[in-house]
Protein backbone atom coordinates (compact mmCIF):
# COMPACT_ATOMS: atom_id res chain seq x y z
CA UNK A 1 0.00 0.00 0.00
CA UNK A 2 2.73 2.45 0.96
CA UNK A 3 4.72 1.72 -2.17
CA UNK A 4 1.76 2.67 -4.33
CA UNK A 5 1.55 6.07 -2.67
CA UNK A 6 5.26 6.76 -3.13
CA UNK A 7 5.29 5.46 -6.69
CA UNK A 8 2.47 7.87 -7.56
CA UNK A 9 4.58 10.75 -6.33
CA UNK A 10 7.37 9.83 -8.74
CA UNK A 11 10.24 12.29 -8.69
CA UNK A 12 8.40 14.40 -6.09
CA UNK A 13 8.57 11.62 -3.49
CA UNK A 14 11.97 12.53 -2.02
CA UNK A 15 11.06 16.22 -2.02
CA UNK A 16 7.77 15.61 -0.21
CA UNK A 17 9.52 13.25 2.20
CA UNK A 18 12.21 15.82 2.94
CA UNK A 19 9.64 18.54 3.57
CA UNK A 20 7.69 16.23 5.90
CA UNK A 21 10.85 15.28 7.78
CA UNK A 22 11.88 18.90 8.21
CA UNK A 23 8.46 20.10 9.33
CA UNK A 24 7.79 17.28 11.79
CA UNK A 25 11.21 16.50 13.26
CA UNK A 26 13.96 19.00 12.46
CA UNK A 27 12.03 22.25 13.07
CA UNK A 28 10.53 21.21 16.45
CA UNK A 29 13.93 20.00 17.68
CA UNK A 30 15.52 23.28 16.58
CA UNK A 31 12.80 25.26 18.37
CA UNK A 32 13.50 23.41 21.62
CA UNK A 33 17.05 24.83 21.64
CA UNK A 34 15.78 28.44 21.67
CA UNK A 35 15.64 29.75 25.28
CA UNK A 36 12.57 31.95 24.64
CA UNK A 37 10.66 28.96 23.28
CA UNK A 38 11.69 26.90 26.32
CA UNK A 39 10.30 29.58 28.65
CA UNK A 40 6.99 29.57 26.76
CA UNK A 41 6.71 25.79 27.06
CA UNK A 42 7.50 25.90 30.78
CA UNK A 43 4.91 28.60 31.41
CA UNK A 44 2.30 26.63 29.46
CA UNK A 45 3.19 23.50 31.42
CA UNK A 46 2.68 25.33 34.70
CA UNK A 47 -0.83 26.42 33.63
CA UNK A 48 -2.04 22.88 33.00
CA UNK A 49 -4.58 21.68 35.58
CA UNK A 50 -3.05 18.19 35.68
CA UNK A 51 0.42 16.76 36.23
CA UNK A 52 2.42 15.29 33.34
CA UNK A 53 5.29 13.13 34.55
CA UNK A 54 8.65 14.33 33.30
CA UNK A 55 7.63 18.02 33.10
CA UNK A 56 8.70 20.28 35.93
């Protein structure tokens, strides 16, 4: 099933795959290294009404 989807994309397959990889993995990991973004995540985590293990 998956091969049919990728074969339909033809030469665009690697491009679409690269865009997906960048938007779902590389960009979020890069954002986590920015101190301002870390502060935003911490402040949002403190506002949650329930406890998530591993956060704060």
